[in-house]
């Protein structure tokens, strides 16, 4: 049966496939990167990446949400000229914000690197982040125009090309110019990132110009500015506060490890392994969540604009079900084979440490993210903002208090991660239920996929031990276990009456 290209299902499938390929390429890229630069330089690189997120939050994140949301609404109303107005105004606002933020960073990059990041070796990478932020912001504004109007394939194709270019550019620069000192090595990585962002920003700019229409009625300027601000300001502030707390958490991890008695190099290596190897490995299957969120926000905004509450509830419910069916088994299987997989791929035995509680935390964060996207699509960004801030504050407090205790170390971060994601999930669910009247379907959403995933994870862990005792290599054993575990999970799910063909059916795609 042919799938409607304007449907939520089609958009999610295209973006999921794109994200899976992109995440896989990114994972392979990270493996080679970690082997080329080592755990300590990986830790330095991870220190500056939260700054990248903070700068984007200050300048672009709220505006991209406004472009996606308003483009979807005006597209549903048949007013293409207003969509062009929205994009141009958001782009102008972004450039003004970026100019102001870049000026501050150029003046204060030395104290930012020394006193805020805690390591002067981040200075070069910090300065090179500025052109990367500029290009990424331009790219994301144009990309969300396509998402809002339901044109998924152009940005998906550009994203895949971008990942190939980034992998080749970063690894190529490192191979050509290494060995270098840690600061210059981080600079080379960011320079490779700039290369791929040039391609993406320019390509999407020209693709958008070909599609924008100036024909039709326009919106009054002040009214449009108020609509943009009503979406961009709360989402931008939410993202900013969340990223500030996330950045503070990232900076605190090595500092609190040192406070608890670790050496500086030892703390940076532990931070590099945790945030540069273990968590990226666990986040590899979560490509679906990012794709779902990008499609869910404009689709829910469209349902609200058309006054169809049943459609809104159906879309939120199917999103939660799909999250359970895909994410729970992925986390269970990675918890079983993750230690062997991390050691084999990264050459770092500690890459699988704390993987079971971290896998649970990643699963909770996926639900939290989907529900936050639902709140944004429902026009309740303030609720999503409040919940994200509370969740981030709890994580930050746990990291500061628990990681400073002697003998606790990274276990303090893991505990904070679990508590904060659980809190964010509960708060987001409460607000989504209030907005939509959606009733939980615990067996279908959680019990059936959860029990199936638990069975697959336990049996896979036993199989891993048997294969290891039989002399099979860790990488081959992990691959065999993943295949066996996936088949077992699907069989267990089917035995409980959950039919994947109905969950991801093509029938009714246009409505859902």
Protein backbone atom coordinates (compact mmCIF):
# COMPACT_ATOMS: atom_id res chain seq x y z
CA UNK A 1 0.00 0.00 0.00
CA UNK A 2 1.35 3.42 -0.90
CA UNK A 3 2.17 5.62 2.06
CA UNK A 4 0.92 9.22 2.09
CA UNK A 5 3.98 11.47 1.95
CA UNK A 6 2.28 14.17 4.02
CA UNK A 7 1.45 11.84 6.91
CA UNK A 8 3.10 11.78 10.30
CA UNK A 9 4.08 8.14 9.80
CA UNK A 10 5.83 8.84 6.52
CA UNK A 11 7.77 11.76 7.97
CA UNK A 12 8.78 9.77 11.03
CA UNK A 13 9.90 6.78 8.96
CA UNK A 14 11.98 8.90 6.59
CA UNK A 15 13.60 10.85 9.41
CA UNK A 16 14.11 7.68 11.45
CA UNK A 17 15.89 5.93 8.60
CA UNK A 18 17.95 9.05 8.01
CA UNK A 19 18.77 9.33 11.70
CA UNK A 20 19.68 5.65 11.96
CA UNK A 21 22.14 5.94 9.09
CA UNK A 22 23.40 9.25 10.46
CA UNK A 23 23.75 7.87 13.99
CA UNK A 24 25.57 4.82 12.67
CA UNK A 25 27.98 6.98 10.71
CA UNK A 26 28.40 9.21 13.74
CA UNK A 27 29.06 6.19 15.92
CA UNK A 28 31.70 4.85 13.53
CA UNK A 29 33.16 8.36 13.37
CA UNK A 30 33.32 8.50 17.17
CA UNK A 31 35.08 5.13 17.32
CA UNK A 32 37.84 6.29 14.98
CA UNK A 33 37.94 9.67 16.70
CA UNK A 34 38.43 8.13 20.14
CA UNK A 35 41.19 5.89 18.83
CA UNK A 36 42.96 8.82 17.14
CA UNK A 37 42.83 11.33 19.99
CA UNK A 38 42.49 9.24 23.18
CA UNK A 39 40.25 9.59 26.23
CA UNK A 40 41.81 12.79 27.62
CA UNK A 41 41.44 14.84 24.42
CA UNK A 42 37.96 13.35 23.99
CA UNK A 43 37.18 14.79 27.42
CA UNK A 44 38.40 18.25 26.31
CA UNK A 45 36.24 18.02 23.19
CA UNK A 46 33.24 17.05 25.32
CA UNK A 47 33.88 20.13 27.47
CA UNK A 48 33.35 22.58 24.60
CA UNK A 49 30.34 20.86 23.06
CA UNK A 50 27.96 22.04 25.82
CA UNK A 51 29.11 25.58 24.98
CA UNK A 52 28.01 24.91 21.40
CA UNK A 53 24.57 23.89 22.70
CA UNK A 54 24.33 26.97 24.92
CA UNK A 55 25.21 29.31 22.04
CA UNK A 56 22.58 27.68 19.83
CA UNK A 57 20.03 28.02 22.63
CA UNK A 58 20.81 31.72 22.95
CA UNK A 59 20.44 32.36 19.24
CA UNK A 60 18.55 29.71 17.25
CA UNK A 61 16.63 27.02 19.13
CA UNK A 62 13.52 29.05 19.95
CA UNK A 63 13.42 30.54 16.46
CA UNK A 64 13.66 27.12 14.78
CA UNK A 65 10.71 25.93 16.90
CA UNK A 66 8.75 29.00 15.80
CA UNK A 67 9.53 28.32 12.13
CA UNK A 68 8.43 24.69 12.42
CA UNK A 69 5.26 25.41 14.40
CA UNK A 70 4.04 28.44 12.44
CA UNK A 71 4.98 26.96 9.06
CA UNK A 72 2.82 23.94 9.88
CA UNK A 73 -0.12 26.10 10.90
CA UNK A 74 -0.01 28.46 7.92
CA UNK A 75 0.62 25.53 5.58
CA UNK A 76 -2.58 23.88 6.88
CA UNK A 77 -4.43 27.18 6.30
CA UNK A 78 -3.10 27.52 2.73
CA UNK A 79 -1.14 30.74 3.33
CA UNK A 80 2.35 30.15 1.85
CA UNK A 81 3.29 33.83 1.71
CA UNK A 82 3.14 34.10 5.51
CA UNK A 83 5.52 31.14 5.83
CA UNK A 84 8.12 33.14 3.92
CA UNK A 85 7.51 36.07 6.24
CA UNK A 86 8.08 33.86 9.27
CA UNK A 87 11.33 32.43 7.93
CA UNK A 88 12.79 35.81 6.93
CA UNK A 89 11.95 37.42 10.27
CA UNK A 90 13.39 34.51 12.24
CA UNK A 91 16.55 34.54 10.13
CA UNK A 92 17.05 38.28 10.70
CA UNK A 93 16.50 37.87 14.43
CA UNK A 94 18.98 35.00 14.57
CA UNK A 95 21.70 37.03 12.84
CA UNK A 96 21.25 39.90 15.31
CA UNK A 97 21.37 37.58 18.29
CA UNK A 98 24.42 35.76 16.94
CA UNK A 99 26.33 39.02 16.38
CA UNK A 100 25.75 40.03 20.00
CA UNK A 101 26.66 36.63 21.44
CA UNK A 102 29.75 36.24 19.22
CA UNK A 103 31.05 39.64 20.34
CA UNK A 104 30.82 38.58 23.97
CA UNK A 105 32.61 35.27 23.33
CA UNK A 106 35.43 36.94 21.37
CA UNK A 107 36.04 39.38 24.23
CA UNK A 108 35.71 36.86 27.06
CA UNK A 109 36.95 33.60 25.58
CA UNK A 110 39.95 33.47 27.93
CA UNK A 111 38.02 33.69 31.23
CA UNK A 112 35.29 31.42 29.80
CA UNK A 113 37.83 28.68 29.05
CA UNK A 114 39.82 29.09 32.27
CA UNK A 115 37.17 29.83 34.89
CA UNK A 116 33.97 28.37 33.47
CA UNK A 117 35.25 25.33 31.58
CA UNK A 118 38.17 24.83 33.94
CA UNK A 119 40.77 24.14 31.24
CA UNK A 120 42.68 26.75 29.18
CA UNK A 121 43.26 24.18 26.45
CA UNK A 122 39.68 24.74 25.23
CA UNK A 123 40.38 28.31 23.98
CA UNK A 124 41.03 27.55 20.30
CA UNK A 125 38.05 25.22 20.01
CA UNK A 126 35.86 27.81 21.72
CA UNK A 127 36.69 30.51 19.17
CA UNK A 128 36.24 28.13 16.23
CA UNK A 129 32.78 27.24 17.52
CA UNK A 130 31.48 30.68 16.50
CA UNK A 131 31.40 30.14 12.71
CA UNK A 132 30.05 26.65 13.39
CA UNK A 133 27.16 28.13 15.42
CA UNK A 134 26.42 30.68 12.68
CA UNK A 135 26.21 28.06 9.96
CA UNK A 136 24.27 25.58 12.11
CA UNK A 137 21.68 28.23 12.99
CA UNK A 138 21.12 29.15 9.33
CA UNK A 139 20.90 25.47 8.46
CA UNK A 140 18.39 24.66 11.22
CA UNK A 141 16.06 27.56 10.41
CA UNK A 142 15.78 26.43 6.79
CA UNK A 143 15.58 22.78 7.81
CA UNK A 144 12.61 23.44 10.09
CA UNK A 145 10.82 25.27 7.29
CA UNK A 146 10.84 21.94 5.42
CA UNK A 147 9.73 20.02 8.54
CA UNK A 148 6.87 22.42 9.16
CA UNK A 149 5.57 22.21 5.59
CA UNK A 150 5.82 18.42 5.53
CA UNK A 151 8.73 18.23 3.05
CA UNK A 152 10.91 15.72 4.81
CA UNK A 153 13.16 14.38 2.07
CA UNK A 154 15.30 17.46 1.23
CA UNK A 155 16.61 18.04 4.78
CA UNK A 156 16.97 14.28 5.29
CA UNK A 157 19.20 13.98 2.22
CA UNK A 158 21.25 17.01 3.28
CA UNK A 159 21.70 15.58 6.77
CA UNK A 160 23.08 12.31 5.41
CA UNK A 161 25.52 14.13 3.14
CA UNK A 162 26.53 16.33 6.07
CA UNK A 163 27.41 13.30 8.18
CA UNK A 164 29.60 11.84 5.44
CA UNK A 165 31.35 15.17 4.97
CA UNK A 166 31.90 15.64 8.69
CA UNK A 167 33.37 12.17 9.10
CA UNK A 168 35.73 12.63 6.17
CA UNK A 169 36.71 16.19 7.06
CA UNK A 170 37.40 15.66 10.77
CA UNK A 171 39.19 12.33 10.44
CA UNK A 172 41.09 13.57 7.36
CA UNK A 173 42.36 16.65 9.19
CA UNK A 174 43.43 14.56 12.18
CA UNK A 175 45.26 12.01 10.04
CA UNK A 176 47.04 14.78 8.11
CA UNK A 177 48.09 16.97 11.03
CA UNK A 178 48.45 14.75 14.09
CA UNK A 179 50.32 14.64 16.37
CA UNK A 180 49.42 18.01 17.86
CA UNK A 181 48.97 19.31 21.38
CA UNK A 182 45.49 18.76 22.90
CA UNK A 183 44.28 22.32 22.22
CA UNK A 184 45.14 22.20 18.51
CA UNK A 185 43.67 18.71 18.22
CA UNK A 186 40.32 19.98 19.52
CA UNK A 187 40.61 22.90 17.07
CA UNK A 188 41.10 20.49 14.16
CA UNK A 189 37.92 18.64 15.13
CA UNK A 190 35.87 21.85 15.20
CA UNK A 191 37.40 22.95 11.89
CA UNK A 192 36.14 19.73 10.31
CA UNK A 193 32.69 20.44 11.75
CA UNK A 194 32.70 23.87 10.10
CA UNK A 195 33.39 22.26 6.72
CA UNK A 196 30.25 20.13 6.80
CA UNK A 197 28.11 22.99 8.13
CA UNK A 198 29.11 25.15 5.16
CA UNK A 199 27.70 22.51 2.82
CA UNK A 200 24.45 22.09 4.77
CA UNK A 201 23.71 25.79 5.27
CA UNK A 202 24.35 26.73 1.64
CA UNK A 203 22.44 23.77 0.21
CA UNK A 204 19.33 24.27 2.36
CA UNK A 205 19.37 28.03 1.73
CA UNK A 206 19.13 27.58 -2.03
CA UNK A 207 16.62 24.70 -1.77
CA UNK A 208 14.38 26.90 0.38
CA UNK A 209 14.60 29.87 -1.98
CA UNK A 210 13.27 27.69 -4.80
CA UNK A 211 10.19 26.71 -2.75
CA UNK A 212 9.19 29.91 -0.99
CA UNK A 213 6.19 31.70 -2.40
CA UNK A 214 5.43 35.41 -2.10
CA UNK A 215 1.96 35.06 -3.60
CA UNK A 216 -1.10 35.36 -1.37
CA UNK A 217 -2.16 37.33 1.67
CA UNK A 218 0.38 38.36 4.28
CA UNK A 219 0.23 38.75 8.03
CA UNK A 220 0.46 42.10 9.79
CA UNK A 221 4.04 42.58 11.00
CA UNK A 222 3.44 43.23 14.69
CA UNK A 223 0.97 40.39 15.01
CA UNK A 224 3.43 38.00 13.36
CA UNK A 225 6.25 39.18 15.61
CA UNK A 226 4.10 38.49 18.66
CA UNK A 227 3.29 34.98 17.42
CA UNK A 228 6.96 34.25 16.76
CA UNK A 229 7.97 35.60 20.17
CA UNK A 230 5.25 33.62 21.98
CA UNK A 231 6.81 30.40 20.70
CA UNK A 232 10.50 31.31 20.43
CA UNK A 233 10.99 33.00 23.80
CA UNK A 234 9.75 30.24 26.15
CA UNK A 235 11.31 27.43 24.09
CA UNK A 236 14.56 29.36 23.72
CA UNK A 237 14.71 30.11 27.44
CA UNK A 238 13.91 26.49 28.24
CA UNK A 239 16.67 25.27 25.97
CA UNK A 240 19.07 27.88 27.33
CA UNK A 241 18.44 27.05 30.97
CA UNK A 242 18.51 23.34 30.25
CA UNK A 243 21.77 23.58 28.33
CA UNK A 244 23.30 25.86 30.96
CA UNK A 245 22.53 23.26 33.60
CA UNK A 246 23.72 20.50 31.27
CA UNK A 247 26.93 22.41 30.61
CA UNK A 248 27.41 23.01 34.32
CA UNK A 249 26.92 19.29 34.88
CA UNK A 250 29.51 18.43 32.21
CA UNK A 251 32.00 20.89 33.66
CA UNK A 252 31.35 19.67 37.20
CA UNK A 253 31.90 15.98 36.47
CA UNK A 254 35.72 16.13 36.13
CA UNK A 255 35.96 18.87 38.78
CA UNK A 256 34.02 16.89 41.37
CA UNK A 257 36.05 13.79 40.56
CA UNK A 258 39.20 15.78 41.31
CA UNK A 259 37.58 17.10 44.49
CA UNK A 260 36.90 13.51 45.54
CA UNK A 261 40.58 12.64 45.14
CA UNK A 262 41.19 11.76 41.46
CA UNK A 263 44.08 13.20 39.42
CA UNK A 264 43.21 15.80 36.75
CA UNK A 265 44.20 13.55 33.83
CA UNK A 266 42.40 10.59 35.40
CA UNK A 267 39.22 12.65 35.89
CA UNK A 268 39.31 13.94 32.30
CA UNK A 269 39.76 10.40 30.98
CA UNK A 270 36.80 9.14 33.05
CA UNK A 271 34.71 12.04 31.74
CA UNK A 272 35.77 11.27 28.16
CA UNK A 273 34.85 7.60 28.50
CA UNK A 274 31.46 8.33 30.05
CA UNK A 275 30.29 11.15 27.76
CA UNK A 276 32.32 10.32 24.67
CA UNK A 277 31.92 6.54 24.55
CA UNK A 278 29.36 4.94 26.91
CA UNK A 279 26.48 7.40 26.52
CA UNK A 280 26.89 7.76 22.71
CA UNK A 281 26.78 3.96 22.43
CA UNK A 282 23.52 3.88 24.40
CA UNK A 283 22.07 6.80 22.44
CA UNK A 284 22.70 5.12 19.08
CA UNK A 285 19.21 3.47 18.99
CA UNK A 286 17.49 6.72 20.00
CA UNK A 287 17.62 8.11 16.45
CA UNK A 288 13.90 7.36 16.26
CA UNK A 289 13.15 9.76 19.12
CA UNK A 290 14.72 12.79 17.48
CA UNK A 291 12.92 12.03 14.22
CA UNK A 292 9.62 11.52 16.01
CA UNK A 293 9.94 14.81 17.87
CA UNK A 294 10.69 16.76 14.70
CA UNK A 295 7.53 15.39 13.06
CA UNK A 296 5.31 15.35 16.14
CA UNK A 297 5.54 19.07 16.96
CA UNK A 298 4.15 20.42 13.64
CA UNK A 299 1.63 17.57 13.33
CA UNK A 300 0.18 18.28 16.78
CA UNK A 301 0.18 22.01 16.03
CA UNK A 302 -1.78 21.23 12.87
CA UNK A 303 -4.29 19.11 14.82
CA UNK A 304 -4.76 21.90 17.36
CA UNK A 305 -5.18 24.52 14.59
CA UNK A 306 -7.84 22.35 12.91
CA UNK A 307 -9.67 21.71 16.21
CA UNK A 308 -9.34 17.91 16.18
CA UNK A 309 -8.63 16.71 19.76
CA UNK A 310 -9.14 13.02 18.94
CA UNK A 311 -6.44 13.22 16.27
CA UNK A 312 -4.13 14.88 18.78
CA UNK A 313 -4.71 12.16 21.39
CA UNK A 314 -4.20 9.40 18.81
CA UNK A 315 -0.92 10.87 17.65
CA UNK A 316 0.44 11.25 21.18
CA UNK A 317 -0.63 7.72 22.12
CA UNK A 318 0.93 6.14 19.05
CA UNK A 319 4.13 8.07 19.68
CA UNK A 320 4.41 6.70 23.23
CA UNK A 321 3.65 3.17 22.05
CA UNK A 322 6.26 3.34 19.30
CA UNK A 323 8.79 4.66 21.83
CA UNK A 324 8.22 1.69 24.12
CA UNK A 325 8.31 -0.89 21.33
CA UNK A 326 11.59 0.38 19.89
CA UNK A 327 13.54 1.84 22.81
CA UNK A 328 12.95 -0.68 25.61
CA UNK A 329 14.40 -3.70 23.75
CA UNK A 330 17.31 -1.61 22.46
CA UNK A 331 18.27 -0.59 26.00
CA UNK A 332 17.82 -4.12 27.36
CA UNK A 333 20.05 -5.63 24.67
CA UNK A 334 22.71 -2.94 24.98
CA UNK A 335 22.77 -3.41 28.74
CA UNK A 336 23.57 -7.08 28.10
CA UNK A 337 26.22 -6.75 25.39
CA UNK A 338 27.38 -3.17 26.01
CA UNK A 339 30.52 -3.97 28.05
CA UNK A 340 31.88 -6.31 25.36
CA UNK A 341 30.78 -3.99 22.57
CA UNK A 342 32.37 -0.92 24.17
CA UNK A 343 35.66 -2.68 24.84
CA UNK A 344 35.82 -4.09 21.31
CA UNK A 345 34.86 -0.90 19.45
CA UNK A 346 36.55 1.81 21.53
CA UNK A 347 39.47 -0.24 22.84
CA UNK A 348 38.49 0.98 26.32
CA UNK A 349 37.48 -1.61 28.94
CA UNK A 350 35.72 1.06 31.03
CA UNK A 351 33.33 1.98 28.17
CA UNK A 352 30.69 -0.44 29.51
CA UNK A 353 30.84 0.68 33.12
CA UNK A 354 27.47 1.56 34.75
CA UNK A 355 25.74 0.60 31.52
CA UNK A 356 22.64 -0.96 33.14
CA UNK A 357 21.51 2.10 35.14
CA UNK A 358 22.56 4.42 32.30
CA UNK A 359 20.42 2.37 29.87
CA UNK A 360 17.44 2.81 32.19
CA UNK A 361 18.12 6.54 32.32
CA UNK A 362 18.33 6.82 28.53
CA UNK A 363 14.99 5.00 28.19
CA UNK A 364 13.36 7.41 30.65
CA UNK A 365 14.86 10.37 28.81
CA UNK A 366 13.30 9.14 25.55
CA UNK A 367 9.81 9.24 27.07
CA UNK A 368 10.60 12.62 28.58
CA UNK A 369 11.69 13.95 25.19
CA UNK A 370 8.60 12.67 23.34
CA UNK A 371 6.27 14.19 25.93
CA UNK A 372 8.18 17.49 25.82
CA UNK A 373 7.73 17.56 22.04
CA UNK A 374 4.04 16.87 22.54
CA UNK A 375 3.76 19.86 24.90
CA UNK A 376 5.50 22.12 22.40
CA UNK A 377 3.18 20.94 19.63
CA UNK A 378 0.15 21.49 21.87
CA UNK A 379 1.14 25.09 22.41
CA UNK A 380 2.32 24.55 26.01
CA UNK A 381 6.05 25.36 25.78
CA UNK A 382 5.91 27.00 29.21
CA UNK A 383 5.03 23.66 30.80
CA UNK A 384 7.84 21.92 28.94
CA UNK A 385 10.19 24.71 30.03
CA UNK A 386 9.27 24.45 33.70
CA UNK A 387 9.63 20.68 33.75
CA UNK A 388 12.98 20.73 31.95
CA UNK A 389 14.34 23.31 34.38
CA UNK A 390 13.24 21.33 37.43
CA UNK A 391 14.67 18.12 35.99
CA UNK A 392 17.99 19.76 35.12
CA UNK A 393 18.26 21.40 38.52
CA UNK A 394 17.83 18.04 40.25
CA UNK A 395 20.55 16.47 38.10
CA UNK A 396 22.92 19.35 38.73
CA UNK A 397 22.36 19.17 42.49
CA UNK A 398 22.93 15.42 42.53
CA UNK A 399 26.17 15.74 40.56
CA UNK A 400 27.49 18.49 42.83
CA UNK A 401 26.58 16.78 46.09
CA UNK A 402 27.02 13.08 45.34
CA UNK A 403 30.10 13.14 43.10
CA UNK A 404 32.06 15.08 45.68
CA UNK A 405 31.72 12.26 48.20
CA UNK A 406 34.83 10.06 48.46
CA UNK A 407 34.36 6.62 46.97
CA UNK A 408 31.16 7.47 45.10
CA UNK A 409 32.59 9.10 41.95
CA UNK A 410 30.67 8.56 38.72
CA UNK A 411 27.96 6.63 40.55
CA UNK A 412 26.78 10.02 41.80
CA UNK A 413 26.26 11.20 38.22
CA UNK A 414 24.41 7.99 37.33
CA UNK A 415 22.07 8.42 40.30
CA UNK A 416 21.38 12.03 39.37
CA UNK A 417 20.71 11.07 35.76
CA UNK A 418 18.14 8.47 36.79
CA UNK A 419 16.34 10.67 39.30
CA UNK A 420 16.18 13.72 37.01
CA UNK A 421 14.89 11.85 33.95
CA UNK A 422 12.23 10.07 36.03
CA UNK A 423 11.09 13.42 37.42
CA UNK A 424 10.99 15.03 33.96
CA UNK A 425 8.96 12.12 32.59
CA UNK A 426 6.35 12.31 35.35
CA UNK A 427 5.98 16.09 35.11
CA UNK A 428 5.63 16.04 31.31
CA UNK A 429 3.07 13.23 31.43
CA UNK A 430 0.99 15.11 33.98
CA UNK A 431 0.84 18.20 31.76
CA UNK A 432 0.17 16.27 28.52
CA UNK A 433 -2.70 14.44 30.20
CA UNK A 434 -4.18 17.70 31.42
CA UNK A 435 -3.96 19.25 27.96
CA UNK A 436 -5.35 16.33 25.97
CA UNK A 437 -7.38 14.18 28.35
CA UNK A 438 -5.30 11.21 27.16
CA UNK A 439 -5.76 8.08 29.27
CA UNK A 440 -2.80 5.77 29.89
CA UNK A 441 -2.86 2.33 28.30
CA UNK A 442 -0.29 0.69 30.55
CA UNK A 443 -0.39 -2.84 29.17
CA UNK A 444 -0.03 -1.81 25.54
CA UNK A 445 2.38 1.08 26.14
CA UNK A 446 4.59 -0.39 28.85
CA UNK A 447 3.86 -3.84 30.24
CA UNK A 448 3.93 -5.91 27.04
CA UNK A 449 7.05 -4.32 25.47
CA UNK A 450 8.71 -4.03 28.89
CA UNK A 451 8.32 -7.72 29.77
CA UNK A 452 9.40 -8.76 26.28
CA UNK A 453 12.47 -6.54 26.51
CA UNK A 454 13.34 -7.89 29.97
CA UNK A 455 13.12 -11.48 28.73
CA UNK A 456 15.29 -10.69 25.70
CA UNK A 457 17.86 -8.88 27.83
CA UNK A 458 18.20 -11.66 30.43
CA UNK A 459 18.46 -14.47 27.87
CA UNK A 460 20.89 -12.44 25.76
CA UNK A 461 23.11 -11.89 28.80
CA UNK A 462 23.23 -15.65 29.41
CA UNK A 463 24.01 -16.28 25.75
CA UNK A 464 26.82 -13.71 25.88
CA UNK A 465 28.46 -15.57 28.76
CA UNK A 466 28.09 -18.92 27.00
CA UNK A 467 29.65 -17.59 23.78
CA UNK A 468 32.46 -15.94 25.73
CA UNK A 469 33.24 -19.20 27.54
CA UNK A 470 33.24 -20.97 24.16
CA UNK A 471 36.01 -18.66 22.95
CA UNK A 472 34.07 -16.40 20.56
CA UNK A 473 35.49 -12.91 20.15
CA UNK A 474 33.65 -10.12 22.01
CA UNK A 475 32.58 -8.32 18.82
CA UNK A 476 31.29 -11.45 17.08
CA UNK A 477 29.58 -12.60 20.24
CA UNK A 478 27.88 -9.23 20.71
CA UNK A 479 26.63 -9.25 17.11
CA UNK A 480 25.22 -12.77 17.47
CA UNK A 481 23.57 -11.85 20.78
CA UNK A 482 21.94 -8.76 19.30
CA UNK A 483 20.44 -10.76 16.43
CA UNK A 484 19.19 -13.52 18.75
CA UNK A 485 17.83 -11.02 21.28
CA UNK A 486 15.93 -9.09 18.61
CA UNK A 487 14.25 -12.24 17.29
CA UNK A 488 13.36 -13.34 20.83
CA UNK A 489 11.89 -9.92 21.65
CA UNK A 490 9.70 -9.92 18.55
CA UNK A 491 8.46 -13.41 19.34
CA UNK A 492 7.66 -12.47 22.95
CA UNK A 493 5.85 -9.34 21.81
CA UNK A 494 3.79 -11.33 19.34
CA UNK A 495 2.97 -13.91 22.02
CA UNK A 496 1.42 -11.14 24.14
CA UNK A 497 -0.83 -10.05 21.30
CA UNK A 498 1.11 -6.95 20.22
CA UNK A 499 1.29 -6.87 16.42
CA UNK A 500 3.98 -4.60 15.04
CA UNK A 501 2.25 -4.53 11.67
CA UNK A 502 -0.71 -2.79 13.31
CA UNK A 503 1.44 -0.35 15.28
CA UNK A 504 3.38 0.76 12.20
CA UNK A 505 0.65 0.04 9.69
CA UNK A 506 0.35 1.95 6.48
CA UNK A 507 -3.43 1.91 6.63
CA UNK A 508 -4.81 5.13 8.03
CA UNK A 509 -1.46 6.88 7.74
CA UNK A 510 -2.97 10.02 6.43
CA UNK A 511 -5.14 10.43 9.47
CA UNK A 512 -2.43 9.55 11.94
